[in-house]
Amino acid sequence: MDEEQGTTTTRSSNAADQHPLNGGSNDEVVINTQQRHLCDVYEEDDASSNETDDHRDHDDNDDDNDDDNDDDDCVEEEEEEENNDETEGFITSSSSSSLSLSNNSIDMKKMKKKPNNNMKAKVQQQLSNSSSSSQSSSSLLLITNFFSFLNTNDDDDHNNSNSILYKTLLPDNKGIYFRGYPILDNGTHNNGFTVKLLKFILITYLMIGIIHIIVAQLFNDRDRSLKLWHILVFESDLIVRDCVIFFIIGRLYKKSCSGIDNIFWMVTAIMANIYFESQNFIWFLQHSVSLYEIHCIWPWELWLFVILLIPTIIIIIGLHILKGYRENTLLIKLSEMILCILFFIAPMITSNYFHLHHWYAGWLLGMHCNYNTWWSKMTMAWCWGMYINGIAVYGRDPVLTCEYAYFLTLDNRCPYISCYLDALQDENQTDIIEMVPVDWMNCSAASSSNDYMP
């Protein structure tokens, strides 16, 4: 009891010293009160945001401890009530500040809890909105993924070089040496131009020979008088010129070009040959592309087949136009095509002997499909397969057919032409008929005459 009385006396004396009437400092008491409330606010905020469950458990334990210590705190509460009575005026004056701080602490708790609930509600709303809109966007996503392979971005040269489809059979960047002596030097800055061109020519000759032998053994729809040595002797120089022009305009010398001695190119070219030889089994495809054939002989099945090919042709042309526009090379491509038309088409298109051989169409179109994308490479390889098939099966016949042959005969003054010319002068003979091209505009007259049909 003495110790309790001493404690009570000491506390009361301290409270009396702090009272304003006894010279105590109001500012110190207010500051201490504010600091205590601020500490409580920060502690409660941290506990509510980070350790809410632990704080609740801790409060339950504190309640149990408070029940055990109620007896010990009774005396202290009585003493505090006495002290509060003595300082009632001061507490009343400072109660507004403490209440405001406590209200602020409660508001801060609410502000911390409300955003969490709002965020959960927003997330749930976004999830519900995304789930509802996913069904409407799924069809668009499927369409986008379906056409994503038709992108106009350049192929990855690093991946292509490591891919088995684009792995070249022979190196491009090295020359040909014999015991250390250069036989064919590639140089250091030409990206293997010489070796690439030589490989292109040799592989073209090799494929022409293989296709010629296979077709001669399996099919009858071919030029039966054509021999392999005819191609080598009479058409070899023209084939080399075709290869050089195709190689340059087709940009096959560029470093990014994978060349033609790879699986991707060769398989595509072989598929083109299989397609053209399969025409032997499809009767309506056994027609040529000439003005008279198109106007007078083509059946409706062939017209329908061409109409079905138009969307594919439009897609390929559109992709090349889009690629040229994005790379700012569209004008270059257009100028190259215009020059090729002026040099290789315009001088001959008005002739009645004009015949668009498929070797010529493949050569003329394929060289312009030279972008570093898989669809452009495949188009070029397919067109070059057309070129190889046309020469291997029918020979490199001139586009102007017999008119060109007649010109060469007269220009070279071949003696056999005199028989033809003399016979034309004899009005009584009927064995030799003058070579006159058919009038493709008059189908009925052409069918009843013996005019030449290119």
Protein backbone atom coordinates (compact mmCIF):
# COMPACT_ATOMS: atom_id res chain seq x y z
CA MET A 1 0.00 0.00 0.00
CA ASP A 2 2.86 2.33 0.77
CA GLU A 3 4.36 1.66 -2.61
CA GLU A 4 0.99 2.22 -4.28
CA GLN A 5 0.52 5.47 -2.40
CA GLY A 6 3.98 6.54 -3.40
CA THR A 7 3.25 5.73 -6.98
CA THR A 8 -0.02 7.63 -6.83
CA THR A 9 1.68 10.61 -5.26
CA THR A 10 4.40 10.61 -7.82
CA ARG A 11 1.95 10.43 -10.75
CA SER A 12 -0.28 13.08 -9.32
CA SER A 13 2.71 15.30 -8.72
CA ASN A 14 3.83 14.80 -12.30
CA ALA A 15 0.36 15.56 -13.56
CA ALA A 16 0.26 18.62 -11.35
CA ASP A 17 3.62 19.77 -12.66
CA GLN A 18 2.30 19.40 -16.20
CA HIS A 19 -0.91 21.28 -15.45
CA PRO A 20 -1.01 24.79 -16.82
CA LEU A 21 -1.81 26.26 -13.45
CA ASN A 22 1.41 24.83 -12.01
CA GLY A 23 3.60 26.08 -14.76
CA GLY A 24 3.26 22.94 -17.00
CA SER A 25 3.62 23.27 -20.76
CA ASN A 26 0.47 22.84 -22.85
CA ASP A 27 2.55 22.60 -26.03
CA GLU A 28 4.51 19.64 -24.74
CA VAL A 29 1.33 17.75 -23.83
CA VAL A 30 -0.31 18.48 -27.20
CA ILE A 31 2.81 17.40 -29.06
CA ASN A 32 3.04 14.17 -27.09
CA THR A 33 -0.63 13.49 -27.70
CA GLN A 34 -0.29 14.11 -31.44
CA GLN A 35 2.78 11.94 -31.70
CA ARG A 36 1.01 9.11 -29.89
CA HIS A 37 -2.02 9.31 -32.23
CA LEU A 38 0.15 9.52 -35.33
CA CYS A 39 2.11 6.47 -34.27
CA ASP A 40 -1.14 4.61 -33.67
CA VAL A 41 -2.39 5.63 -37.12
CA TYR A 42 0.74 4.47 -38.92
CA GLU A 43 0.86 1.23 -37.00
CA GLU A 44 -2.79 0.50 -37.70
CA ASP A 45 -2.43 1.38 -41.39
CA ASP A 46 0.58 -0.85 -41.84
CA ALA A 47 -1.11 -3.67 -40.01
CA SER A 48 -4.33 -3.32 -42.02
CA SER A 49 -2.54 -3.30 -45.40
CA ASN A 50 0.14 -5.92 -44.87
CA GLU A 51 -0.78 -8.16 -41.97
CA THR A 52 -4.53 -7.97 -41.45
CA ASP A 53 -5.01 -11.52 -40.32
CA ASP A 54 -1.99 -11.48 -38.02
CA HIS A 55 -3.21 -8.27 -36.44
CA ARG A 56 -6.56 -9.82 -35.65
CA ASP A 57 -4.90 -12.77 -33.98
CA HIS A 58 -2.69 -10.42 -32.06
CA ASP A 59 -5.72 -8.43 -30.85
CA ASP A 60 -7.36 -11.60 -29.61
CA ASN A 61 -4.26 -12.47 -27.63
CA ASP A 62 -4.13 -8.95 -26.20
CA ASP A 63 -7.74 -9.26 -25.05
CA ASP A 64 -6.90 -12.45 -23.20
CA ASN A 65 -3.93 -10.77 -21.52
CA ASP A 66 -6.07 -7.79 -20.60
CA ASP A 67 -8.57 -10.06 -18.85
CA ASP A 68 -5.77 -11.55 -16.76
CA ASN A 69 -4.42 -8.16 -15.74
CA ASP A 70 -7.72 -6.44 -14.96
CA ASP A 71 -7.08 -6.60 -11.22
CA ASP A 72 -3.67 -5.01 -11.51
CA ASP A 73 -4.95 -2.20 -13.66
CA CYS A 74 -7.90 -1.21 -11.44
CA VAL A 75 -5.75 0.82 -9.09
CA GLU A 76 -3.98 2.51 -11.94
CA GLU A 77 -7.31 3.38 -13.59
CA GLU A 78 -8.54 4.98 -10.35
CA GLU A 79 -5.38 7.00 -10.07
CA GLU A 80 -5.67 8.06 -13.72
CA GLU A 81 -9.27 9.16 -13.14
CA GLU A 82 -8.08 11.40 -10.30
CA ASN A 83 -5.42 12.85 -12.46
CA ASN A 84 -7.94 13.34 -15.25
CA ASP A 85 -10.19 15.20 -12.85
CA GLU A 86 -7.35 17.56 -12.02
CA THR A 87 -6.51 18.15 -15.67
CA GLU A 88 -10.08 18.08 -16.98
CA GLY A 89 -9.93 21.60 -18.27
CA PHE A 90 -6.79 20.96 -20.25
CA ILE A 91 -8.09 17.67 -21.71
CA THR A 92 -11.28 19.40 -22.75
CA SER A 93 -9.28 22.06 -24.56
CA SER A 94 -7.13 19.52 -26.35
CA SER A 95 -9.89 16.96 -27.03
CA SER A 96 -10.76 18.55 -30.35
CA SER A 97 -7.26 18.01 -31.69
CA SER A 98 -7.11 14.40 -30.47
CA LEU A 99 -10.54 13.66 -31.91
CA SER A 100 -9.55 15.15 -35.22
CA LEU A 101 -6.44 13.00 -35.29
CA SER A 102 -8.45 9.90 -34.40
CA ASN A 103 -10.99 10.74 -37.09
CA ASN A 104 -8.16 11.19 -39.55
CA SER A 105 -6.80 7.80 -38.58
CA ILE A 106 -10.22 6.24 -39.17
CA ASP A 107 -10.48 7.99 -42.53
CA MET A 108 -7.06 6.75 -43.48
CA LYS A 109 -8.12 3.20 -42.67
CA LYS A 110 -11.18 3.59 -44.85
CA MET A 111 -9.11 5.11 -47.64
CA LYS A 112 -6.82 2.12 -47.53
CA LYS A 113 -9.63 -0.38 -47.52
CA LYS A 114 -11.83 1.26 -50.14
CA PRO A 115 -9.25 1.34 -52.95
CA ASN A 116 -8.58 -2.36 -52.43
CA ASN A 117 -12.27 -3.16 -52.73
CA ASN A 118 -12.61 -0.83 -55.71
CA MET A 119 -9.64 -2.41 -57.43
CA LYS A 120 -11.11 -5.87 -56.95
CA ALA A 121 -14.41 -4.69 -58.37
CA LYS A 122 -12.69 -3.09 -61.37
CA VAL A 123 -10.64 -6.20 -62.03
CA GLN A 124 -13.71 -8.39 -61.89
CA GLN A 125 -15.55 -6.01 -64.21
CA GLN A 126 -12.65 -6.03 -66.67
CA LEU A 127 -12.52 -9.81 -66.58
CA SER A 128 -16.23 -10.03 -67.25
CA ASN A 129 -15.94 -7.53 -70.11
CA SER A 130 -12.97 -9.38 -71.60
CA SER A 131 -14.77 -12.71 -71.38
CA SER A 132 -17.81 -11.28 -73.11
CA SER A 133 -15.76 -9.63 -75.86
CA SER A 134 -13.47 -12.65 -76.37
CA GLN A 135 -16.15 -14.48 -78.30
CA SER A 136 -16.60 -11.60 -80.72
CA SER A 137 -12.85 -11.22 -81.26
CA SER A 138 -12.09 -14.93 -81.55
CA SER A 139 -13.21 -15.07 -85.19
CA LEU A 140 -11.04 -12.08 -86.07
CA LEU A 141 -8.08 -13.69 -84.29
CA LEU A 142 -8.53 -16.90 -86.26
CA ILE A 143 -8.62 -14.99 -89.54
CA THR A 144 -5.52 -13.01 -88.55
CA ASN A 145 -3.61 -16.16 -87.63
CA PHE A 146 -4.71 -17.86 -90.86
CA PHE A 147 -3.30 -15.05 -93.02
CA SER A 148 -0.28 -14.35 -90.81
CA PHE A 149 1.88 -16.61 -92.96
CA LEU A 150 1.34 -14.16 -95.84
CA ASN A 151 3.42 -11.51 -94.12
CA THR A 152 5.59 -9.13 -96.10
CA ASN A 153 8.50 -9.14 -93.67
CA ASP A 154 11.83 -10.44 -94.91
CA ASP A 155 12.74 -13.97 -93.96
CA ASP A 156 15.27 -14.39 -91.18
CA ASP A 157 18.55 -15.03 -93.00
CA HIS A 158 20.12 -16.60 -89.90
CA ASN A 159 17.30 -19.10 -89.47
CA ASN A 160 17.20 -19.80 -93.20
CA SER A 161 20.91 -20.56 -93.28
CA ASN A 162 20.42 -23.09 -90.50
CA SER A 163 17.25 -24.58 -91.98
CA ILE A 164 17.56 -27.75 -94.02
CA LEU A 165 15.15 -26.31 -96.60
CA TYR A 166 17.53 -23.46 -97.47
CA LYS A 167 20.83 -25.23 -96.95
CA THR A 168 22.82 -24.94 -100.19
CA LEU A 169 24.51 -28.00 -101.65
CA LEU A 170 27.62 -26.04 -102.61
CA PRO A 171 29.10 -22.95 -100.93
CA ASP A 172 28.54 -19.57 -102.56
CA ASN A 173 31.21 -17.39 -100.99
CA LYS A 174 34.29 -19.37 -102.03
CA GLY A 175 36.10 -19.62 -105.31
CA ILE A 176 37.29 -22.74 -107.11
CA TYR A 177 40.91 -23.70 -106.51
CA PHE A 178 43.19 -26.47 -107.67
CA ARG A 179 46.07 -27.24 -105.33
CA GLY A 180 45.94 -23.72 -103.98
CA TYR A 181 45.76 -22.03 -107.37
CA PRO A 182 42.55 -20.08 -108.11
CA ILE A 183 40.62 -21.34 -111.12
CA LEU A 184 37.48 -19.28 -110.49
CA ASP A 185 37.89 -16.44 -108.02
CA ASN A 186 34.85 -14.98 -106.36
CA GLY A 187 36.58 -11.87 -105.08
CA THR A 188 36.02 -10.45 -101.62
CA HIS A 189 33.10 -8.04 -102.10
CA ASN A 190 30.80 -9.58 -104.74
CA ASN A 191 28.84 -11.96 -102.43
CA GLY A 192 29.76 -15.00 -104.50
CA PHE A 193 28.38 -13.60 -107.78
CA THR A 194 30.46 -15.80 -110.09
CA VAL A 195 29.91 -19.07 -108.24
CA LYS A 196 26.17 -18.41 -107.82
CA LEU A 197 25.75 -17.69 -111.54
CA LEU A 198 27.75 -20.76 -112.53
CA LYS A 199 25.70 -22.98 -110.20
CA PHE A 200 22.47 -21.51 -111.57
CA ILE A 201 23.42 -22.30 -115.17
CA LEU A 202 24.72 -25.80 -114.45
CA ILE A 203 21.71 -26.81 -112.32
CA THR A 204 19.37 -25.50 -115.03
CA TYR A 205 21.09 -27.67 -117.65
CA LEU A 206 21.04 -30.66 -115.31
CA MET A 207 17.32 -30.35 -114.60
CA ILE A 208 16.50 -29.88 -118.30
CA GLY A 209 18.35 -33.11 -119.11
CA ILE A 210 16.66 -35.10 -116.32
CA ILE A 211 13.16 -33.88 -117.20
CA HIS A 212 13.73 -34.57 -120.90
CA ILE A 213 14.74 -38.18 -120.25
CA ILE A 214 11.88 -38.86 -117.83
CA VAL A 215 9.20 -37.35 -120.08
CA ALA A 216 10.52 -39.21 -123.14
CA GLN A 217 10.05 -42.50 -121.30
CA LEU A 218 6.59 -41.83 -119.85
CA PHE A 219 4.59 -39.45 -122.05
CA ASN A 220 3.75 -38.99 -125.70
CA ASP A 221 2.59 -35.39 -125.52
CA ARG A 222 5.96 -33.90 -126.41
CA ASP A 223 8.12 -32.98 -129.35
CA ARG A 224 9.12 -36.47 -130.48
CA SER A 225 11.66 -35.17 -132.96
CA LEU A 226 13.47 -33.23 -130.24
CA LYS A 227 16.70 -34.79 -129.01
CA LEU A 228 18.82 -33.78 -126.09
CA TRP A 229 21.75 -32.94 -128.33
CA HIS A 230 19.46 -30.58 -130.30
CA ILE A 231 19.01 -28.55 -127.14
CA LEU A 232 22.73 -28.52 -126.39
CA VAL A 233 23.79 -27.59 -129.91
CA PHE A 234 21.08 -25.28 -131.19
CA GLU A 235 19.65 -23.68 -128.05
CA SER A 236 22.49 -23.73 -125.53
CA ASP A 237 23.62 -20.14 -126.10
CA LEU A 238 20.05 -18.87 -125.78
CA ILE A 239 19.58 -20.77 -122.52
CA VAL A 240 22.71 -19.18 -121.07
CA ARG A 241 21.45 -15.72 -122.02
CA ASP A 242 18.13 -16.47 -120.38
CA CYS A 243 19.93 -17.56 -117.22
CA VAL A 244 22.08 -14.42 -117.07
CA ILE A 245 19.12 -12.05 -117.50
CA PHE A 246 17.03 -14.00 -115.00
CA PHE A 247 19.93 -14.08 -112.55
CA ILE A 248 20.52 -10.33 -112.66
CA ILE A 249 16.93 -9.07 -112.66
CA GLY A 250 15.95 -11.78 -110.18
CA ARG A 251 18.63 -10.56 -107.72
CA LEU A 252 19.95 -14.09 -107.27
CA TYR A 253 23.41 -12.66 -106.66
CA LYS A 254 22.41 -10.93 -103.40
CA LYS A 255 23.77 -12.20 -100.11
CA SER A 256 20.27 -12.66 -98.69
CA CYS A 257 19.34 -14.92 -101.62
CA SER A 258 19.57 -18.59 -100.74
CA GLY A 259 20.26 -19.58 -104.35
CA ILE A 260 18.62 -22.47 -106.21
CA ASP A 261 20.70 -25.42 -104.99
CA ASN A 262 18.49 -26.07 -101.96
CA ILE A 263 15.54 -28.29 -101.17
CA PHE A 264 13.00 -25.46 -101.10
CA TRP A 265 13.81 -24.28 -104.63
CA MET A 266 14.24 -27.71 -106.23
CA VAL A 267 11.10 -29.24 -104.72
CA THR A 268 9.03 -26.27 -105.92
CA ALA A 269 10.49 -26.52 -109.44
CA ILE A 270 9.82 -30.28 -109.52
CA MET A 271 6.20 -29.69 -108.42
CA ALA A 272 5.78 -27.28 -111.34
CA ASN A 273 7.01 -29.98 -113.76
CA ILE A 274 4.63 -32.53 -112.24
CA TYR A 275 1.73 -30.12 -112.70
CA PHE A 276 2.46 -29.47 -116.38
CA GLU A 277 2.94 -33.15 -117.14
CA SER A 278 -0.31 -34.00 -115.35
CA GLN A 279 -2.09 -32.03 -118.06
CA ASN A 280 -1.73 -35.16 -120.21
CA PHE A 281 -4.49 -36.69 -118.09
CA ILE A 282 -6.80 -33.62 -118.08
CA TRP A 283 -8.25 -33.16 -121.53
CA PHE A 284 -9.35 -29.52 -121.25
CA LEU A 285 -5.83 -28.42 -120.24
CA GLN A 286 -4.29 -29.67 -123.46
CA HIS A 287 -4.40 -26.28 -125.19
CA SER A 288 -1.84 -23.61 -125.87
CA VAL A 289 -1.93 -19.88 -125.15
CA SER A 290 -2.33 -18.18 -128.53
CA LEU A 291 -4.86 -15.69 -129.85
CA TYR A 292 -6.55 -18.24 -132.07
CA GLU A 293 -6.63 -20.96 -129.38
CA ILE A 294 -8.05 -18.59 -126.78
CA HIS A 295 -10.67 -17.11 -129.06
CA CYS A 296 -11.77 -20.18 -130.98
CA ILE A 297 -10.78 -23.45 -129.30
CA TRP A 298 -10.62 -23.08 -125.52
CA PRO A 299 -13.49 -25.05 -123.89
CA TRP A 300 -15.59 -23.64 -121.08
CA GLU A 301 -13.90 -25.95 -118.56
CA LEU A 302 -10.58 -24.31 -119.31
CA TRP A 303 -12.11 -20.87 -118.89
CA LEU A 304 -13.53 -21.93 -115.53
CA PHE A 305 -10.13 -23.26 -114.47
CA VAL A 306 -8.50 -19.94 -115.36
CA ILE A 307 -11.17 -18.03 -113.44
CA LEU A 308 -10.47 -20.14 -110.36
CA LEU A 309 -6.77 -19.29 -110.65
CA ILE A 310 -7.42 -15.55 -110.75
CA PRO A 311 -7.71 -15.08 -106.92
CA THR A 312 -4.33 -16.78 -106.39
CA ILE A 313 -2.73 -14.63 -109.06
CA ILE A 314 -4.26 -11.48 -107.55
CA ILE A 315 -2.97 -12.39 -104.07
CA ILE A 316 0.58 -12.95 -105.34
CA ILE A 317 0.57 -9.70 -107.31
CA GLY A 318 -0.94 -7.80 -104.38
CA LEU A 319 1.68 -9.10 -101.96
CA HIS A 320 4.49 -8.00 -104.29
CA ILE A 321 2.92 -4.56 -104.67
CA LEU A 322 2.51 -4.21 -100.90
CA LYS A 323 6.07 -5.38 -100.30
CA GLY A 324 7.43 -2.91 -102.85
CA TYR A 325 5.41 -0.09 -101.31
CA ARG A 326 6.69 -0.81 -97.80
CA GLU A 327 10.30 -1.08 -98.93
CA ASN A 328 10.01 1.95 -101.22
CA THR A 329 11.02 -0.22 -104.21
CA LEU A 330 7.71 -0.24 -106.04
CA LEU A 331 8.84 2.24 -108.68
CA ILE A 332 11.97 0.16 -109.30
CA LYS A 333 9.86 -2.95 -109.88
CA LEU A 334 7.45 -1.11 -112.13
CA SER A 335 10.26 0.35 -114.22
CA GLU A 336 11.87 -3.08 -114.61
CA MET A 337 8.59 -4.65 -115.70
CA ILE A 338 7.87 -1.83 -118.15
CA LEU A 339 11.32 -2.21 -119.70
CA CYS A 340 10.88 -5.98 -119.99
CA ILE A 341 7.51 -5.50 -121.68
CA LEU A 342 8.98 -2.98 -124.10
CA PHE A 343 11.94 -5.24 -124.95
CA PHE A 344 10.40 -8.73 -124.86
CA ILE A 345 6.64 -8.35 -125.51
CA ALA A 346 5.74 -5.17 -127.37
CA PRO A 347 7.70 -5.87 -130.61
CA MET A 348 6.02 -9.27 -131.06
CA ILE A 349 2.51 -8.93 -129.64
CA THR A 350 1.01 -7.63 -132.88
CA SER A 351 2.26 -10.56 -134.97
CA ASN A 352 -0.22 -13.19 -136.11
CA TYR A 353 2.42 -15.84 -135.39
CA PHE A 354 2.76 -14.88 -131.70
CA HIS A 355 2.63 -17.89 -129.39
CA LEU A 356 3.21 -17.50 -125.64
CA HIS A 357 5.18 -20.64 -124.79
CA HIS A 358 5.11 -21.56 -121.13
CA TRP A 359 8.90 -21.52 -120.98
CA TYR A 360 8.72 -17.89 -122.04
CA ALA A 361 5.98 -16.99 -119.55
CA GLY A 362 7.90 -18.61 -116.68
CA TRP A 363 11.11 -16.84 -117.61
CA LEU A 364 9.48 -13.42 -118.09
CA LEU A 365 7.39 -13.44 -114.90
CA GLY A 366 9.65 -15.34 -112.53
CA MET A 367 12.53 -12.86 -112.62
CA HIS A 368 10.36 -10.17 -111.02
CA CYS A 369 9.42 -12.32 -108.01
CA ASN A 370 12.67 -11.59 -106.20
CA TYR A 371 11.77 -10.50 -102.66
CA ASN A 372 13.29 -12.21 -99.64
CA THR A 373 10.03 -13.84 -98.54
CA TRP A 374 8.95 -17.45 -98.83
CA TRP A 375 5.97 -16.72 -101.10
CA SER A 376 8.11 -14.67 -103.51
CA LYS A 377 10.84 -17.32 -103.57
CA MET A 378 8.28 -20.05 -104.19
CA THR A 379 6.75 -18.08 -107.06
CA MET A 380 10.16 -17.62 -108.65
CA ALA A 381 11.02 -21.31 -108.27
CA TRP A 382 7.65 -22.32 -109.75
CA CYS A 383 8.18 -20.05 -112.78
CA TRP A 384 11.68 -21.42 -113.31
CA GLY A 385 10.21 -24.92 -113.20
CA MET A 386 7.89 -23.81 -116.03
CA TYR A 387 10.93 -22.64 -118.00
CA ILE A 388 12.73 -25.95 -117.52
CA ASN A 389 9.66 -28.02 -118.44
CA GLY A 390 8.98 -26.07 -121.62
CA ILE A 391 12.52 -26.47 -122.95
CA ALA A 392 12.93 -30.08 -121.85
CA VAL A 393 9.65 -31.25 -123.43
CA TYR A 394 9.18 -29.01 -126.48
CA GLY A 395 12.48 -27.19 -126.89
CA ARG A 396 13.13 -23.48 -126.73
CA ASP A 397 10.85 -22.66 -129.62
CA PRO A 398 10.71 -19.02 -130.71
CA VAL A 399 7.76 -16.91 -129.64
CA LEU A 400 7.07 -15.94 -133.27
CA THR A 401 7.21 -19.62 -134.32
CA CYS A 402 7.49 -20.14 -138.08
CA GLU A 403 7.70 -16.45 -138.88
CA TYR A 404 11.00 -16.29 -137.04
CA ALA A 405 12.20 -19.51 -138.74
CA TYR A 406 11.18 -18.15 -142.15
CA PHE A 407 13.08 -14.94 -141.44
CA LEU A 408 16.23 -16.87 -140.54
CA THR A 409 15.91 -19.01 -143.65
CA LEU A 410 15.61 -16.04 -145.96
CA ASP A 411 18.20 -14.01 -144.12
CA ASN A 412 20.75 -16.83 -144.29
CA ARG A 413 19.77 -17.67 -147.91
CA CYS A 414 19.32 -21.28 -147.19
CA PRO A 415 19.15 -23.19 -150.54
CA TYR A 416 16.17 -25.30 -149.58
CA ILE A 417 14.01 -22.20 -149.48
CA SER A 418 14.32 -21.89 -153.25
CA CYS A 419 12.05 -24.90 -153.72
CA TYR A 420 9.37 -23.17 -151.74
CA LEU A 421 9.78 -19.89 -153.54
CA ASP A 422 9.80 -21.50 -156.98
CA ALA A 423 6.71 -23.50 -156.21
CA LEU A 424 4.86 -20.37 -155.23
CA GLN A 425 5.68 -18.88 -158.61
CA ASP A 426 4.18 -21.86 -160.44
CA GLU A 427 0.45 -21.33 -160.66
CA ASN A 428 -0.24 -24.84 -161.90
CA GLN A 429 1.24 -26.78 -158.96
CA THR A 430 -0.92 -27.58 -155.93
CA ASP A 431 1.51 -29.41 -153.65
CA ILE A 432 3.12 -26.38 -152.03
CA ILE A 433 0.80 -24.07 -150.12
CA GLU A 434 1.89 -20.66 -149.06
CA MET A 435 2.35 -20.25 -145.33
CA VAL A 436 -0.34 -17.83 -144.23
CA PRO A 437 -1.21 -17.41 -140.54
CA VAL A 438 -4.74 -18.09 -139.49
CA ASP A 439 -7.13 -15.23 -138.88
CA TRP A 440 -7.85 -15.57 -135.19
CA MET A 441 -10.82 -13.20 -135.44
CA ASN A 442 -12.66 -15.47 -137.91
CA CYS A 443 -13.02 -18.90 -136.31
CA SER A 444 -15.32 -20.38 -138.99
CA ALA A 445 -13.02 -19.42 -141.85
CA ALA A 446 -9.97 -20.70 -140.04
CA SER A 447 -11.50 -24.10 -139.31
CA SER A 448 -12.29 -24.68 -143.00
CA SER A 449 -8.93 -23.56 -144.34
CA ASN A 450 -5.45 -25.00 -144.27
CA ASP A 451 -3.87 -21.90 -142.83
CA TYR A 452 -1.03 -22.22 -140.37
CA MET A 453 -2.05 -22.09 -136.72
CA PRO A 454 0.85 -21.06 -134.45
